[in-house]
N, C-alpha and C. Protein backbone atom coordinates (compact mmCIF):
# COMPACT_ATOMS: atom_id res chain seq x y z
N UNK A 1 -14.54 19.94 9.00
CA UNK A 1 -13.90 18.97 8.14
C UNK A 1 -13.84 19.51 6.71
N UNK A 2 -12.77 19.23 6.03
CA UNK A 2 -12.57 19.68 4.66
C UNK A 2 -13.01 18.60 3.68
N UNK A 3 -13.17 19.00 2.42
CA UNK A 3 -13.43 18.03 1.36
C UNK A 3 -12.17 17.23 1.11
N UNK A 4 -12.35 16.02 0.60
CA UNK A 4 -11.20 15.20 0.25
C UNK A 4 -10.49 15.77 -0.97
N UNK A 5 -9.17 15.70 -0.93
CA UNK A 5 -8.33 16.08 -2.08
C UNK A 5 -7.49 14.88 -2.43
N UNK A 6 -7.34 14.64 -3.71
CA UNK A 6 -6.64 13.46 -4.17
C UNK A 6 -7.64 12.34 -4.39
N UNK A 7 -7.14 11.24 -4.89
CA UNK A 7 -8.00 10.14 -5.30
C UNK A 7 -7.28 8.82 -5.08
N UNK A 8 -8.03 7.78 -4.83
CA UNK A 8 -7.48 6.44 -4.78
C UNK A 8 -8.53 5.46 -5.26
N UNK A 9 -8.08 4.33 -5.74
CA UNK A 9 -8.99 3.23 -6.06
C UNK A 9 -8.41 1.96 -5.48
N UNK A 10 -9.28 1.10 -5.01
CA UNK A 10 -8.90 -0.18 -4.41
C UNK A 10 -9.66 -1.30 -5.10
N UNK A 11 -8.97 -2.40 -5.36
CA UNK A 11 -9.62 -3.60 -5.87
C UNK A 11 -8.91 -4.80 -5.28
N UNK A 12 -9.67 -5.86 -5.09
CA UNK A 12 -9.14 -7.07 -4.49
C UNK A 12 -9.24 -8.20 -5.51
N UNK A 13 -8.11 -8.86 -5.75
CA UNK A 13 -8.04 -9.98 -6.69
C UNK A 13 -7.32 -11.12 -5.98
N UNK A 14 -8.08 -12.14 -5.63
CA UNK A 14 -7.49 -13.22 -4.84
C UNK A 14 -7.07 -12.67 -3.49
N UNK A 15 -5.82 -12.92 -3.12
CA UNK A 15 -5.30 -12.44 -1.83
C UNK A 15 -4.39 -11.22 -2.03
N UNK A 16 -4.62 -10.51 -3.15
CA UNK A 16 -3.83 -9.32 -3.46
C UNK A 16 -4.78 -8.13 -3.59
N UNK A 17 -4.46 -7.06 -2.85
CA UNK A 17 -5.21 -5.81 -2.96
C UNK A 17 -4.40 -4.87 -3.83
N UNK A 18 -5.05 -4.26 -4.80
CA UNK A 18 -4.41 -3.29 -5.68
C UNK A 18 -4.90 -1.89 -5.31
N UNK A 19 -3.95 -1.00 -5.09
CA UNK A 19 -4.23 0.39 -4.72
C UNK A 19 -3.60 1.30 -5.75
N UNK A 20 -4.38 2.23 -6.26
CA UNK A 20 -3.86 3.26 -7.15
C UNK A 20 -4.10 4.60 -6.48
N UNK A 21 -3.02 5.37 -6.30
CA UNK A 21 -3.08 6.67 -5.64
C UNK A 21 -2.86 7.77 -6.69
N UNK A 22 -3.64 8.85 -6.59
CA UNK A 22 -3.48 9.96 -7.53
C UNK A 22 -3.67 11.28 -6.80
N UNK A 23 -2.98 12.29 -7.31
CA UNK A 23 -3.15 13.63 -6.78
C UNK A 23 -2.52 13.84 -5.42
N UNK A 24 -2.74 15.01 -4.87
CA UNK A 24 -2.22 15.37 -3.54
C UNK A 24 -3.29 15.06 -2.50
N UNK A 25 -2.94 14.23 -1.53
CA UNK A 25 -3.89 13.82 -0.51
C UNK A 25 -3.89 14.77 0.68
N UNK A 26 -5.08 15.02 1.22
CA UNK A 26 -5.18 15.70 2.50
C UNK A 26 -5.61 14.68 3.56
N UNK A 27 -5.76 15.13 4.79
CA UNK A 27 -6.05 14.22 5.89
C UNK A 27 -7.39 13.52 5.71
N UNK A 28 -8.37 14.21 5.15
CA UNK A 28 -9.68 13.61 4.94
C UNK A 28 -9.60 12.43 3.97
N UNK A 29 -8.81 12.56 2.93
CA UNK A 29 -8.62 11.46 1.99
C UNK A 29 -7.92 10.30 2.67
N UNK A 30 -6.93 10.61 3.49
CA UNK A 30 -6.19 9.57 4.20
C UNK A 30 -7.09 8.81 5.16
N UNK A 31 -7.96 9.51 5.87
CA UNK A 31 -8.90 8.84 6.78
C UNK A 31 -9.88 7.95 6.02
N UNK A 32 -10.37 8.43 4.89
CA UNK A 32 -11.29 7.63 4.07
C UNK A 32 -10.56 6.40 3.54
N UNK A 33 -9.32 6.58 3.10
CA UNK A 33 -8.51 5.46 2.61
C UNK A 33 -8.33 4.40 3.70
N UNK A 34 -8.00 4.84 4.90
CA UNK A 34 -7.81 3.90 6.01
C UNK A 34 -9.05 3.04 6.20
N UNK A 35 -10.20 3.67 6.26
CA UNK A 35 -11.46 2.94 6.45
C UNK A 35 -11.71 2.00 5.27
N UNK A 36 -11.51 2.47 4.06
CA UNK A 36 -11.79 1.67 2.87
C UNK A 36 -10.86 0.46 2.74
N UNK A 37 -9.56 0.65 2.96
CA UNK A 37 -8.65 -0.48 2.77
C UNK A 37 -8.85 -1.54 3.85
N UNK A 38 -9.12 -1.11 5.07
CA UNK A 38 -9.35 -2.09 6.13
C UNK A 38 -10.65 -2.85 5.89
N UNK A 39 -11.66 -2.18 5.36
CA UNK A 39 -12.92 -2.85 5.04
C UNK A 39 -12.76 -3.75 3.82
N UNK A 40 -12.12 -3.26 2.76
CA UNK A 40 -11.94 -4.02 1.52
C UNK A 40 -11.11 -5.27 1.76
N UNK A 41 -10.12 -5.18 2.65
CA UNK A 41 -9.24 -6.33 2.91
C UNK A 41 -9.80 -7.26 3.99
N UNK A 42 -10.91 -6.91 4.62
CA UNK A 42 -11.41 -7.70 5.75
C UNK A 42 -11.65 -9.18 5.41
N UNK A 43 -12.11 -9.54 4.20
CA UNK A 43 -12.26 -10.97 3.91
C UNK A 43 -10.92 -11.73 3.90
N UNK A 44 -9.81 -10.99 3.80
CA UNK A 44 -8.48 -11.61 3.74
C UNK A 44 -7.84 -11.76 5.11
N UNK A 45 -8.39 -11.11 6.11
CA UNK A 45 -7.78 -11.09 7.43
C UNK A 45 -7.63 -12.50 8.00
N UNK A 46 -6.54 -12.70 8.71
CA UNK A 46 -6.28 -13.97 9.35
C UNK A 46 -5.35 -14.87 8.56
N UNK A 47 -5.16 -14.57 7.29
CA UNK A 47 -4.24 -15.30 6.42
C UNK A 47 -3.37 -14.26 5.70
N UNK A 48 -2.18 -14.65 5.25
CA UNK A 48 -1.31 -13.67 4.56
C UNK A 48 -1.97 -13.11 3.30
N UNK A 49 -1.79 -11.81 3.10
CA UNK A 49 -2.24 -11.16 1.88
C UNK A 49 -1.23 -10.09 1.50
N UNK A 50 -1.33 -9.60 0.27
CA UNK A 50 -0.34 -8.66 -0.27
C UNK A 50 -1.03 -7.43 -0.84
N UNK A 51 -0.23 -6.39 -1.01
CA UNK A 51 -0.71 -5.10 -1.51
C UNK A 51 0.21 -4.63 -2.62
N UNK A 52 -0.38 -4.23 -3.75
CA UNK A 52 0.36 -3.58 -4.83
C UNK A 52 -0.12 -2.14 -4.87
N UNK A 53 0.79 -1.21 -4.60
CA UNK A 53 0.46 0.21 -4.51
C UNK A 53 1.10 0.94 -5.68
N UNK A 54 0.27 1.48 -6.58
CA UNK A 54 0.77 2.28 -7.69
C UNK A 54 0.65 3.74 -7.30
N UNK A 55 1.80 4.36 -7.04
CA UNK A 55 1.82 5.76 -6.65
C UNK A 55 2.45 6.65 -7.72
N UNK A 56 2.47 6.17 -8.94
CA UNK A 56 3.09 6.93 -10.03
C UNK A 56 2.46 8.31 -10.21
N UNK A 57 1.15 8.41 -10.02
CA UNK A 57 0.46 9.69 -10.21
C UNK A 57 0.06 10.36 -8.90
N UNK A 58 0.66 9.91 -7.81
CA UNK A 58 0.41 10.49 -6.50
C UNK A 58 1.34 11.68 -6.31
N UNK A 59 0.85 12.70 -5.61
CA UNK A 59 1.61 13.94 -5.42
C UNK A 59 1.86 14.26 -3.95
N UNK A 60 2.08 13.27 -3.14
CA UNK A 60 2.35 13.43 -1.72
C UNK A 60 1.08 13.70 -0.92
N UNK A 61 1.26 14.01 0.37
CA UNK A 61 0.13 14.31 1.24
C UNK A 61 0.52 15.40 2.22
N UNK A 62 -0.48 15.94 2.90
CA UNK A 62 -0.22 16.97 3.90
C UNK A 62 0.44 16.31 5.11
N UNK A 63 1.20 17.07 5.89
CA UNK A 63 2.00 16.48 6.98
C UNK A 63 1.23 15.65 8.00
N UNK A 64 0.00 16.03 8.30
CA UNK A 64 -0.75 15.29 9.32
C UNK A 64 -1.18 13.90 8.85
N UNK A 65 -0.97 13.58 7.59
CA UNK A 65 -1.38 12.28 7.05
C UNK A 65 -0.42 11.14 7.43
N UNK A 66 0.84 11.44 7.66
CA UNK A 66 1.82 10.38 7.86
C UNK A 66 1.46 9.45 9.02
N UNK A 67 1.06 9.99 10.14
CA UNK A 67 0.73 9.15 11.30
C UNK A 67 -0.43 8.21 10.98
N UNK A 68 -1.41 8.69 10.23
CA UNK A 68 -2.56 7.85 9.86
C UNK A 68 -2.12 6.74 8.91
N UNK A 69 -1.24 7.06 7.97
CA UNK A 69 -0.74 6.04 7.04
C UNK A 69 0.04 4.97 7.79
N UNK A 70 0.93 5.37 8.69
CA UNK A 70 1.71 4.40 9.47
C UNK A 70 0.77 3.53 10.30
N UNK A 71 -0.21 4.14 10.94
CA UNK A 71 -1.19 3.40 11.75
C UNK A 71 -1.97 2.41 10.88
N UNK A 72 -2.34 2.83 9.67
CA UNK A 72 -3.07 1.96 8.75
C UNK A 72 -2.24 0.75 8.36
N UNK A 73 -0.97 0.98 8.05
CA UNK A 73 -0.08 -0.13 7.67
C UNK A 73 0.08 -1.09 8.85
N UNK A 74 0.28 -0.56 10.04
CA UNK A 74 0.42 -1.42 11.22
C UNK A 74 -0.82 -2.28 11.43
N UNK A 75 -1.99 -1.67 11.26
CA UNK A 75 -3.22 -2.42 11.43
C UNK A 75 -3.38 -3.47 10.33
N UNK A 76 -3.02 -3.11 9.10
CA UNK A 76 -3.10 -4.07 8.00
C UNK A 76 -2.15 -5.24 8.23
N UNK A 77 -0.96 -4.97 8.73
CA UNK A 77 0.00 -6.04 9.04
C UNK A 77 -0.57 -6.94 10.13
N UNK A 78 -1.17 -6.36 11.15
CA UNK A 78 -1.79 -7.16 12.20
C UNK A 78 -2.92 -8.03 11.64
N UNK A 79 -3.52 -7.58 10.53
CA UNK A 79 -4.61 -8.32 9.89
C UNK A 79 -4.12 -9.30 8.82
N UNK A 80 -2.79 -9.41 8.62
CA UNK A 80 -2.26 -10.41 7.69
C UNK A 80 -1.46 -9.88 6.52
N UNK A 81 -1.36 -8.56 6.34
CA UNK A 81 -0.55 -8.03 5.24
C UNK A 81 0.91 -8.40 5.47
N UNK A 82 1.53 -9.08 4.50
CA UNK A 82 2.93 -9.48 4.65
C UNK A 82 3.84 -8.89 3.59
N UNK A 83 3.30 -8.48 2.45
CA UNK A 83 4.11 -7.95 1.35
C UNK A 83 3.43 -6.74 0.74
N UNK A 84 4.23 -5.69 0.46
CA UNK A 84 3.74 -4.55 -0.32
C UNK A 84 4.74 -4.27 -1.43
N UNK A 85 4.23 -4.24 -2.65
CA UNK A 85 5.03 -3.87 -3.81
C UNK A 85 4.58 -2.48 -4.25
N UNK A 86 5.46 -1.50 -4.09
CA UNK A 86 5.16 -0.13 -4.49
C UNK A 86 5.64 0.06 -5.92
N UNK A 87 4.78 0.59 -6.76
CA UNK A 87 5.13 0.91 -8.14
C UNK A 87 5.15 2.42 -8.27
N UNK A 88 6.28 2.95 -8.72
CA UNK A 88 6.42 4.40 -8.93
C UNK A 88 7.29 4.62 -10.15
N UNK A 89 6.66 5.05 -11.24
CA UNK A 89 7.40 5.25 -12.48
C UNK A 89 7.82 6.69 -12.71
N UNK A 90 7.45 7.59 -11.79
CA UNK A 90 7.85 9.00 -11.96
C UNK A 90 7.78 9.72 -10.62
N UNK A 91 8.50 10.83 -10.53
CA UNK A 91 8.47 11.64 -9.32
C UNK A 91 9.10 10.97 -8.13
N UNK A 92 10.37 10.64 -8.22
CA UNK A 92 11.02 9.84 -7.19
C UNK A 92 11.25 10.56 -5.87
N UNK A 93 11.07 11.87 -5.82
CA UNK A 93 11.25 12.59 -4.56
C UNK A 93 10.26 12.09 -3.51
N UNK A 94 9.07 11.66 -3.94
CA UNK A 94 8.07 11.19 -2.98
C UNK A 94 8.51 9.92 -2.26
N UNK A 95 9.44 9.18 -2.84
CA UNK A 95 9.90 7.95 -2.19
C UNK A 95 10.74 8.23 -0.96
N UNK A 96 11.22 9.46 -0.78
CA UNK A 96 11.99 9.79 0.43
C UNK A 96 11.16 9.57 1.69
N UNK A 97 9.85 9.69 1.57
CA UNK A 97 8.98 9.42 2.72
C UNK A 97 9.09 7.97 3.18
N UNK A 98 9.45 7.08 2.27
CA UNK A 98 9.49 5.66 2.57
C UNK A 98 10.91 5.14 2.78
N UNK A 99 11.90 6.03 2.74
CA UNK A 99 13.29 5.58 2.85
C UNK A 99 13.54 4.71 4.07
N UNK A 100 12.94 5.06 5.20
CA UNK A 100 13.19 4.27 6.40
C UNK A 100 12.38 2.98 6.42
N UNK A 101 11.46 2.82 5.47
CA UNK A 101 10.60 1.64 5.46
C UNK A 101 10.78 0.75 4.23
N UNK A 102 11.42 1.22 3.17
CA UNK A 102 11.42 0.47 1.92
C UNK A 102 12.56 -0.54 1.84
N UNK A 103 12.35 -1.51 1.00
CA UNK A 103 13.34 -2.51 0.64
C UNK A 103 13.96 -3.22 1.83
N UNK A 104 13.14 -3.54 2.81
CA UNK A 104 13.63 -4.34 3.93
C UNK A 104 12.46 -4.92 4.71
N UNK A 105 12.77 -5.88 5.52
CA UNK A 105 11.75 -6.51 6.34
C UNK A 105 11.54 -5.67 7.58
N UNK A 106 10.29 -5.43 7.89
CA UNK A 106 9.94 -4.65 9.08
C UNK A 106 9.18 -5.54 10.05
N UNK A 107 9.35 -5.28 11.31
CA UNK A 107 8.60 -5.98 12.34
C UNK A 107 7.87 -4.93 13.16
N UNK A 108 6.57 -5.07 13.24
CA UNK A 108 5.79 -4.16 14.05
C UNK A 108 5.55 -4.81 15.40
N UNK A 109 4.65 -4.27 16.18
CA UNK A 109 4.41 -4.72 17.56
C UNK A 109 4.12 -6.21 17.69
N UNK A 110 3.55 -6.81 16.65
CA UNK A 110 3.12 -8.20 16.75
C UNK A 110 4.17 -9.19 16.23
N UNK A 111 5.37 -8.74 15.92
CA UNK A 111 6.46 -9.58 15.44
C UNK A 111 6.17 -10.28 14.12
N UNK A 112 5.22 -9.78 13.36
CA UNK A 112 4.93 -10.34 12.04
C UNK A 112 5.82 -9.62 11.02
N UNK A 113 6.48 -10.40 10.19
CA UNK A 113 7.36 -9.80 9.17
C UNK A 113 6.53 -9.16 8.06
N UNK A 114 6.88 -7.95 7.73
CA UNK A 114 6.26 -7.21 6.63
C UNK A 114 7.38 -6.73 5.73
N UNK A 115 7.30 -7.05 4.44
CA UNK A 115 8.35 -6.68 3.50
C UNK A 115 7.77 -5.75 2.45
N UNK A 116 8.46 -4.64 2.21
CA UNK A 116 8.06 -3.65 1.20
C UNK A 116 9.20 -3.49 0.22
N UNK A 117 8.88 -3.52 -1.08
CA UNK A 117 9.86 -3.28 -2.13
C UNK A 117 9.30 -2.25 -3.09
N UNK A 118 10.19 -1.52 -3.77
CA UNK A 118 9.80 -0.47 -4.70
C UNK A 118 10.24 -0.85 -6.11
N UNK A 119 9.34 -0.66 -7.08
CA UNK A 119 9.59 -0.99 -8.48
C UNK A 119 9.14 0.16 -9.38
N UNK A 120 9.67 0.20 -10.59
CA UNK A 120 9.21 1.21 -11.55
C UNK A 120 8.16 0.66 -12.51
N UNK A 121 8.00 -0.65 -12.55
CA UNK A 121 7.03 -1.28 -13.45
C UNK A 121 6.16 -2.27 -12.66
N UNK A 122 4.88 -2.29 -12.97
CA UNK A 122 3.95 -3.20 -12.31
C UNK A 122 4.34 -4.65 -12.55
N UNK A 123 4.78 -4.97 -13.76
CA UNK A 123 5.13 -6.37 -14.06
C UNK A 123 6.25 -6.86 -13.15
N UNK A 124 7.20 -5.99 -12.84
CA UNK A 124 8.30 -6.36 -11.94
C UNK A 124 7.79 -6.57 -10.52
N UNK A 125 6.85 -5.73 -10.10
CA UNK A 125 6.27 -5.87 -8.77
C UNK A 125 5.53 -7.20 -8.65
N UNK A 126 4.76 -7.56 -9.68
CA UNK A 126 4.02 -8.81 -9.65
C UNK A 126 4.95 -10.02 -9.71
N UNK A 127 6.03 -9.90 -10.47
CA UNK A 127 7.02 -10.99 -10.52
C UNK A 127 7.67 -11.20 -9.15
N UNK A 128 7.99 -10.10 -8.45
CA UNK A 128 8.57 -10.22 -7.12
C UNK A 128 7.60 -10.92 -6.17
N UNK A 129 6.32 -10.49 -6.20
CA UNK A 129 5.34 -11.12 -5.33
C UNK A 129 5.24 -12.61 -5.63
N UNK A 130 5.23 -12.96 -6.91
CA UNK A 130 5.16 -14.36 -7.28
C UNK A 130 6.38 -15.13 -6.76
N UNK A 131 7.57 -14.52 -6.86
CA UNK A 131 8.79 -15.15 -6.34
C UNK A 131 8.73 -15.31 -4.83
N UNK A 132 7.95 -14.45 -4.16
CA UNK A 132 7.78 -14.52 -2.71
C UNK A 132 6.72 -15.55 -2.30
N UNK A 133 6.14 -16.23 -3.29
CA UNK A 133 5.16 -17.27 -3.00
C UNK A 133 3.72 -16.81 -3.03
N UNK A 134 3.49 -15.58 -3.49
CA UNK A 134 2.13 -15.05 -3.57
C UNK A 134 1.48 -15.55 -4.86
N UNK A 135 0.25 -16.02 -4.77
CA UNK A 135 -0.51 -16.40 -5.95
C UNK A 135 -1.01 -15.11 -6.61
N UNK A 136 -0.32 -14.68 -7.64
CA UNK A 136 -0.59 -13.38 -8.26
C UNK A 136 -1.59 -13.52 -9.39
N UNK A 137 -2.69 -12.78 -9.32
CA UNK A 137 -3.65 -12.80 -10.41
C UNK A 137 -3.12 -11.99 -11.58
N UNK A 138 -3.77 -12.12 -12.71
CA UNK A 138 -3.42 -11.24 -13.83
C UNK A 138 -3.62 -9.81 -13.40
N UNK A 139 -2.76 -8.93 -13.91
CA UNK A 139 -2.84 -7.52 -13.52
C UNK A 139 -4.22 -6.96 -13.87
N UNK A 140 -4.89 -6.38 -12.88
CA UNK A 140 -6.21 -5.80 -13.16
C UNK A 140 -6.06 -4.51 -13.96
N UNK A 141 -6.86 -4.31 -14.96
CA UNK A 141 -6.92 -3.10 -15.78
C UNK A 141 -7.27 -3.45 -17.17
């Protein structure tokens, strides 16, 4: 096993999980992230919850990470994740990874609707979540 490369931080405020991604991720970081987000969000399971993902300082991941990320999202949706607001203020090439998933409603195996939208500013992401009926806390930071 290799050392983790890249960084992430997770915080939970009400029924919203905030994720900040930084650097280039390898598979070890992705596996740790999967475990951490599923554990951090566990008190929210069974009821709808949302995710705000700031990937402005993220630099992509190694190819073997994609399957783990997709699996993590599917599991989170099964646990109640209904909305993800992605914030990316720079490096738009990385959004090509999400082209097939962004800005539309997705249905996974359990027929639960999951909606992902992309924004350049956190305030816009939080406004969208609020318009979607999410009780949005003040932006953590």
